[in-house]
Amino acid sequence: MAPADMRKEGSAYDLTLAIGILAASEQIKVDNLDDYLIMGELSLDGTLQPIKGALPIAIKAKDERFKKFILPNENAKEAAIVEGVEI
């Protein structure tokens, strides 16, 4: 995950990694993946769990010019406060 010198930790990257692997192995077709910020915690049974900090992440997504933000449904209302990023 780029940039390599930026520290990344926590389970909020689970969904991002899973989608990246599925897209890279052509198990799913994803157009314009660069337009998306994707964050979510995957449980061992595959269900998606809410993440912490959805609002500041959505603000950063807008600052970084992401067009869309995919995150757990439980976080959608909080992230939707930020205008200019499709949740």
C-alpha atoms as a PDB file:
ATOM      1  CA  MET A   1       0.000   0.000   0.000  1.00  0.00           C
ATOM      2  CA  ALA A   2       1.405   3.318  -1.063  1.00  0.00           C
ATOM      3  CA  PRO A   3       3.051   5.390   0.130  1.00  0.00           C
ATOM      4  CA  ALA A   4       5.308   2.881   1.823  1.00  0.00           C
ATOM      5  CA  ASP A   5       6.699   5.386   4.313  1.00  0.00           C
ATOM      6  CA  MET A   6       3.234   6.187   5.738  1.00  0.00           C
ATOM      7  CA  ARG A   7       2.356   4.092   8.771  1.00  0.00           C
ATOM      8  CA  LYS A   8      -0.777   1.999   8.322  1.00  0.00           C
ATOM      9  CA  GLU A   9      -2.282  -0.045  11.100  1.00  0.00           C
ATOM     10  CA  GLY A  10      -5.592  -1.400  12.259  1.00  0.00           C
ATOM     11  CA  SER A  11      -8.377  -3.444  10.803  1.00  0.00           C
ATOM     12  CA  ALA A  12     -10.008  -0.575   8.871  1.00  0.00           C
ATOM     13  CA  TYR A  13      -7.924  -1.598   5.848  1.00  0.00           C
ATOM     14  CA  ASP A  14      -9.402  -5.125   5.683  1.00  0.00           C
ATOM     15  CA  LEU A  15     -12.029  -4.296   3.049  1.00  0.00           C
ATOM     16  CA  THR A  16      -9.569  -2.248   1.001  1.00  0.00           C
ATOM     17  CA  LEU A  17      -7.125  -5.142   0.835  1.00  0.00           C
ATOM     18  CA  ALA A  18      -9.842  -7.675   0.043  1.00  0.00           C
ATOM     19  CA  ILE A  19     -11.225  -5.609  -2.835  1.00  0.00           C
ATOM     20  CA  GLY A  20      -7.711  -4.957  -4.131  1.00  0.00           C
ATOM     21  CA  ILE A  21      -6.923  -8.665  -4.170  1.00  0.00           C
ATOM     22  CA  LEU A  22     -10.234  -9.557  -5.834  1.00  0.00           C
ATOM     23  CA  ALA A  23      -9.774  -6.843  -8.477  1.00  0.00           C
ATOM     24  CA  ALA A  24      -6.116  -7.740  -9.149  1.00  0.00           C
ATOM     25  CA  SER A  25      -6.989 -11.418  -9.564  1.00  0.00           C
ATOM     26  CA  GLU A  26      -9.895 -10.430 -11.846  1.00  0.00           C
ATOM     27  CA  GLN A  27     -12.450 -12.130  -9.592  1.00  0.00           C
ATOM     28  CA  ILE A  28     -14.414  -8.870  -9.655  1.00  0.00           C
ATOM     29  CA  LYS A  29     -14.474  -6.151 -12.316  1.00  0.00           C
ATOM     30  CA  VAL A  30     -14.020  -2.674 -10.924  1.00  0.00           C
ATOM     31  CA  ASP A  31     -13.883   0.421 -13.111  1.00  0.00           C
ATOM     32  CA  ASN A  32     -12.094   3.539 -11.906  1.00  0.00           C
ATOM     33  CA  LEU A  33     -10.926   2.028  -8.631  1.00  0.00           C
ATOM     34  CA  ASP A  34      -8.713   5.091  -8.149  1.00  0.00           C
ATOM     35  CA  ASP A  35     -11.871   7.191  -7.637  1.00  0.00           C
ATOM     36  CA  TYR A  36     -12.771   5.266  -4.479  1.00  0.00           C
ATOM     37  CA  LEU A  37     -11.662   5.440  -0.886  1.00  0.00           C
ATOM     38  CA  ILE A  38     -12.564   2.094   0.673  1.00  0.00           C
ATOM     39  CA  MET A  39     -12.418   1.319   4.380  1.00  0.00           C
ATOM     40  CA  GLY A  40     -14.016  -1.368   6.499  1.00  0.00           C
ATOM     41  CA  GLU A  41     -13.258  -4.090   8.992  1.00  0.00           C
ATOM     42  CA  LEU A  42     -13.994  -7.641   7.889  1.00  0.00           C
ATOM     43  CA  SER A  43     -15.004 -10.176  10.519  1.00  0.00           C
ATOM     44  CA  LEU A  44     -13.758 -13.733  10.250  1.00  0.00           C
ATOM     45  CA  ASP A  45     -17.201 -14.722   8.956  1.00  0.00           C
ATOM     46  CA  GLY A  46     -16.961 -12.104   6.190  1.00  0.00           C
ATOM     47  CA  THR A  47     -19.399  -9.570   7.617  1.00  0.00           C
ATOM     48  CA  LEU A  48     -18.464  -5.902   7.547  1.00  0.00           C
ATOM     49  CA  GLN A  49     -18.009  -4.100  10.863  1.00  0.00           C
ATOM     50  CA  PRO A  50     -18.076  -0.320  11.454  1.00  0.00           C
ATOM     51  CA  ILE A  51     -14.851   1.641  11.582  1.00  0.00           C
ATOM     52  CA  LYS A  52     -13.762   4.452  13.886  1.00  0.00           C
ATOM     53  CA  GLY A  53     -13.276   7.973  12.568  1.00  0.00           C
ATOM     54  CA  ALA A  54     -15.569   7.945   9.533  1.00  0.00           C
ATOM     55  CA  LEU A  55     -16.073  11.728   9.580  1.00  0.00           C
ATOM     56  CA  PRO A  56     -12.393  12.758   9.580  1.00  0.00           C
ATOM     57  CA  ILE A  57     -11.695  10.060   6.987  1.00  0.00           C
ATOM     58  CA  ALA A  58     -14.459  11.460   4.759  1.00  0.00           C
ATOM     59  CA  ILE A  59     -13.028  14.968   5.145  1.00  0.00           C
ATOM     60  CA  LYS A  60      -9.600  13.683   4.110  1.00  0.00           C
ATOM     61  CA  ALA A  61     -11.186  11.810   1.190  1.00  0.00           C
ATOM     62  CA  LYS A  62     -12.612  15.093  -0.075  1.00  0.00           C
ATOM     63  CA  ASP A  63      -9.266  16.855   0.421  1.00  0.00           C
ATOM     64  CA  GLU A  64      -7.536  14.087  -1.545  1.00  0.00           C
ATOM     65  CA  ARG A  65     -10.157  14.403  -4.323  1.00  0.00           C
ATOM     66  CA  PHE A  66     -11.703  10.956  -3.992  1.00  0.00           C
ATOM     67  CA  LYS A  67     -15.107  10.901  -5.689  1.00  0.00           C
ATOM     68  CA  LYS A  68     -16.609   8.031  -3.720  1.00  0.00           C
ATOM     69  CA  PHE A  69     -16.203   6.524  -0.263  1.00  0.00           C
ATOM     70  CA  ILE A  70     -17.189   2.924   0.425  1.00  0.00           C
ATOM     71  CA  LEU A  71     -17.522   2.101   4.106  1.00  0.00           C
ATOM     72  CA  PRO A  72     -19.786   0.085   6.433  1.00  0.00           C
ATOM     73  CA  ASN A  73     -23.453   1.066   6.416  1.00  0.00           C
ATOM     74  CA  GLU A  74     -23.286   1.913  10.127  1.00  0.00           C
ATOM     75  CA  ASN A  75     -20.804   4.702   9.299  1.00  0.00           C
ATOM     76  CA  ALA A  76     -22.657   6.129   6.283  1.00  0.00           C
ATOM     77  CA  LYS A  77     -24.699   8.770   8.131  1.00  0.00           C
ATOM     78  CA  GLU A  78     -21.619  10.181   9.852  1.00  0.00           C
ATOM     79  CA  ALA A  79     -19.553  10.295   6.656  1.00  0.00           C
ATOM     80  CA  ALA A  80     -22.423  11.782   4.619  1.00  0.00           C
ATOM     81  CA  ILE A  81     -22.021  15.078   6.500  1.00  0.00           C
ATOM     82  CA  VAL A  82     -19.156  15.837   4.123  1.00  0.00           C
ATOM     83  CA  GLU A  83     -20.398  17.226   0.840  1.00  0.00           C
ATOM     84  CA  GLY A  84     -18.608  16.457  -2.404  1.00  0.00           C
ATOM     85  CA  VAL A  85     -17.912  12.776  -1.750  1.00  0.00           C
ATOM     86  CA  GLU A  86     -20.462  10.128  -2.698  1.00  0.00           C
ATOM     87  CA  ILE A  87     -21.008   7.736   0.210  1.00  0.00           C
END
